[in-house]
Amino acid sequence: MKIELNGNEYIVEQNGITIQKLIDELKLNIKSTAVAVNKTIISKNCYAEFTLKENDKIDMVTIAPGG
């Protein structure tokens, strides 16, 4: 399945992957990752249930501590 992730084409092997599984696949920290799908911000409470579709446009931002 093809999606757009942060402006780049990304191929997901599993059709109907959830946001949570995509974050796991990318090895990101779910607690510090914000996600918008087709310009709509998705609540963290919905990551496990929100299923991505072909050609969805996903924007992910991960907050990293530092100084």
N, C-alpha and C. Protein backbone atom coordinates (compact mmCIF):
# COMPACT_ATOMS: atom_id res chain seq x y z
N MET A 1 0.85 -1.17 0.00
CA MET A 1 0.00 0.00 0.00
C MET A 1 0.90 1.23 0.00
N LYS A 2 0.55 2.21 -0.83
CA LYS A 2 1.34 3.44 -0.94
C LYS A 2 0.68 4.55 -0.13
N ILE A 3 1.50 5.22 0.70
CA ILE A 3 1.07 6.40 1.44
C ILE A 3 2.13 7.48 1.23
N GLU A 4 1.82 8.69 1.65
CA GLU A 4 2.80 9.76 1.66
C GLU A 4 3.12 10.06 3.11
N LEU A 5 4.40 9.95 3.46
CA LEU A 5 4.83 10.16 4.84
C LEU A 5 5.80 11.34 4.87
N ASN A 6 5.38 12.41 5.50
CA ASN A 6 6.19 13.64 5.58
C ASN A 6 6.68 14.08 4.21
N GLY A 7 5.79 14.00 3.22
CA GLY A 7 6.10 14.50 1.89
C GLY A 7 6.80 13.51 0.97
N ASN A 8 7.10 12.31 1.48
CA ASN A 8 7.79 11.30 0.67
C ASN A 8 6.91 10.07 0.50
N GLU A 9 7.01 9.46 -0.69
CA GLU A 9 6.27 8.22 -0.91
C GLU A 9 6.83 7.13 -0.01
N TYR A 10 5.93 6.37 0.60
CA TYR A 10 6.33 5.30 1.51
C TYR A 10 5.44 4.10 1.22
N ILE A 11 6.05 2.94 1.07
CA ILE A 11 5.31 1.72 0.79
C ILE A 11 5.16 0.94 2.08
N VAL A 12 3.92 0.60 2.42
CA VAL A 12 3.60 -0.20 3.60
C VAL A 12 3.20 -1.58 3.10
N GLU A 13 3.82 -2.61 3.63
CA GLU A 13 3.52 -3.97 3.15
C GLU A 13 2.13 -4.44 3.56
N GLN A 14 1.65 -3.97 4.70
CA GLN A 14 0.36 -4.41 5.21
C GLN A 14 -0.74 -3.42 4.83
N ASN A 15 -1.74 -3.89 4.10
CA ASN A 15 -2.91 -3.04 3.82
C ASN A 15 -3.68 -2.84 5.11
N GLY A 16 -4.20 -1.63 5.29
CA GLY A 16 -5.00 -1.35 6.48
C GLY A 16 -4.18 -1.26 7.75
N ILE A 17 -2.94 -0.82 7.65
CA ILE A 17 -2.09 -0.68 8.83
C ILE A 17 -2.62 0.47 9.69
N THR A 18 -2.50 0.31 11.00
CA THR A 18 -2.93 1.38 11.91
C THR A 18 -1.76 2.35 12.13
N ILE A 19 -2.09 3.51 12.64
CA ILE A 19 -1.05 4.49 12.97
C ILE A 19 -0.08 3.89 13.98
N GLN A 20 -0.59 3.20 14.98
CA GLN A 20 0.28 2.61 16.00
C GLN A 20 1.27 1.62 15.38
N LYS A 21 0.80 0.78 14.47
CA LYS A 21 1.70 -0.19 13.83
C LYS A 21 2.73 0.51 12.95
N LEU A 22 2.33 1.60 12.29
CA LEU A 22 3.28 2.35 11.47
C LEU A 22 4.36 2.98 12.36
N ILE A 23 3.96 3.55 13.47
CA ILE A 23 4.93 4.12 14.41
C ILE A 23 5.88 3.04 14.91
N ASP A 24 5.34 1.86 15.22
CA ASP A 24 6.19 0.74 15.66
C ASP A 24 7.17 0.33 14.55
N GLU A 25 6.67 0.26 13.31
CA GLU A 25 7.50 -0.11 12.16
C GLU A 25 8.65 0.88 11.97
N LEU A 26 8.37 2.14 12.22
CA LEU A 26 9.37 3.19 12.07
C LEU A 26 10.28 3.32 13.29
N LYS A 27 9.97 2.52 14.32
CA LYS A 27 10.74 2.52 15.58
C LYS A 27 10.77 3.89 16.25
N LEU A 28 9.62 4.53 16.26
CA LEU A 28 9.47 5.83 16.92
C LEU A 28 8.83 5.64 18.28
N ASN A 29 9.01 6.61 19.14
CA ASN A 29 8.39 6.59 20.46
C ASN A 29 6.97 7.13 20.34
N ILE A 30 6.00 6.28 20.61
CA ILE A 30 4.59 6.66 20.44
C ILE A 30 4.21 7.82 21.35
N LYS A 31 4.83 7.92 22.52
CA LYS A 31 4.48 8.98 23.47
C LYS A 31 4.90 10.36 22.99
N SER A 32 5.93 10.42 22.15
CA SER A 32 6.43 11.73 21.73
C SER A 32 6.20 11.98 20.23
N THR A 33 5.26 11.24 19.63
CA THR A 33 4.99 11.39 18.20
C THR A 33 3.58 11.92 17.98
N ALA A 34 3.48 13.02 17.25
CA ALA A 34 2.19 13.59 16.87
C ALA A 34 1.95 13.25 15.40
N VAL A 35 0.68 12.94 15.07
CA VAL A 35 0.35 12.48 13.72
C VAL A 35 -0.87 13.24 13.19
N ALA A 36 -0.76 13.65 11.92
CA ALA A 36 -1.90 14.20 11.19
C ALA A 36 -2.08 13.35 9.93
N VAL A 37 -3.32 13.02 9.62
CA VAL A 37 -3.64 12.28 8.40
C VAL A 37 -4.52 13.17 7.55
N ASN A 38 -4.08 13.42 6.34
CA ASN A 38 -4.81 14.31 5.43
C ASN A 38 -5.16 15.63 6.10
N LYS A 39 -4.15 16.17 6.81
CA LYS A 39 -4.22 17.48 7.48
C LYS A 39 -5.15 17.52 8.68
N THR A 40 -5.55 16.35 9.19
CA THR A 40 -6.37 16.27 10.39
C THR A 40 -5.55 15.63 11.50
N ILE A 41 -5.38 16.34 12.62
CA ILE A 41 -4.61 15.80 13.75
C ILE A 41 -5.40 14.65 14.37
N ILE A 42 -4.68 13.55 14.62
CA ILE A 42 -5.29 12.36 15.19
C ILE A 42 -4.89 12.26 16.66
N SER A 43 -5.87 12.04 17.52
CA SER A 43 -5.61 11.89 18.96
C SER A 43 -4.83 10.60 19.21
N LYS A 44 -3.89 10.65 20.16
CA LYS A 44 -3.12 9.46 20.51
C LYS A 44 -4.03 8.31 20.92
N ASN A 45 -5.18 8.63 21.49
CA ASN A 45 -6.13 7.59 21.91
C ASN A 45 -6.62 6.77 20.72
N CYS A 46 -6.51 7.31 19.52
CA CYS A 46 -7.04 6.65 18.32
C CYS A 46 -5.98 5.92 17.50
N TYR A 47 -4.71 6.03 17.87
CA TYR A 47 -3.63 5.45 17.06
C TYR A 47 -3.82 3.95 16.82
N ALA A 48 -4.27 3.22 17.83
CA ALA A 48 -4.40 1.76 17.70
C ALA A 48 -5.56 1.37 16.80
N GLU A 49 -6.53 2.27 16.62
CA GLU A 49 -7.73 1.94 15.85
C GLU A 49 -7.79 2.63 14.49
N PHE A 50 -7.03 3.70 14.31
CA PHE A 50 -7.12 4.48 13.08
C PHE A 50 -6.38 3.75 11.96
N THR A 51 -7.13 3.30 10.96
CA THR A 51 -6.56 2.54 9.85
C THR A 51 -6.25 3.47 8.69
N LEU A 52 -5.03 3.36 8.20
CA LEU A 52 -4.59 4.17 7.06
C LEU A 52 -5.08 3.54 5.76
N LYS A 53 -5.30 4.40 4.78
CA LYS A 53 -5.79 3.96 3.47
C LYS A 53 -4.77 4.34 2.39
N GLU A 54 -4.88 3.68 1.25
CA GLU A 54 -4.04 3.97 0.09
C GLU A 54 -4.06 5.47 -0.20
N ASN A 55 -2.89 6.03 -0.44
CA ASN A 55 -2.69 7.45 -0.80
C ASN A 55 -2.96 8.44 0.33
N ASP A 56 -3.15 7.98 1.58
CA ASP A 56 -3.26 8.92 2.69
C ASP A 56 -1.97 9.73 2.79
N LYS A 57 -2.11 10.96 3.24
CA LYS A 57 -0.96 11.84 3.45
C LYS A 57 -0.77 11.99 4.95
N ILE A 58 0.34 11.44 5.45
CA ILE A 58 0.61 11.41 6.87
C ILE A 58 1.76 12.36 7.19
N ASP A 59 1.55 13.20 8.18
CA ASP A 59 2.60 14.07 8.71
C ASP A 59 2.88 13.61 10.12
N MET A 60 4.15 13.29 10.43
CA MET A 60 4.56 12.87 11.75
C MET A 60 5.63 13.79 12.27
N VAL A 61 5.50 14.16 13.52
CA VAL A 61 6.49 14.98 14.21
C VAL A 61 6.83 14.28 15.51
N THR A 62 8.13 14.08 15.75
CA THR A 62 8.59 13.48 17.00
C THR A 62 9.34 14.54 17.78
N ILE A 63 8.95 14.69 19.03
CA ILE A 63 9.58 15.67 19.90
C ILE A 63 10.78 14.99 20.56
N ALA A 64 11.94 15.62 20.45
CA ALA A 64 13.16 15.08 21.04
C ALA A 64 13.70 16.05 22.09
N PRO A 65 13.98 15.55 23.29
CA PRO A 65 14.54 16.43 24.31
C PRO A 65 15.98 16.81 23.97
N GLY A 66 16.38 17.93 24.43
CA GLY A 66 17.76 18.37 24.18
C GLY A 66 17.96 19.79 24.64
N GLY A 67 19.10 20.28 24.38
CA GLY A 67 19.32 21.63 24.84
C GLY A 67 20.51 22.28 24.20
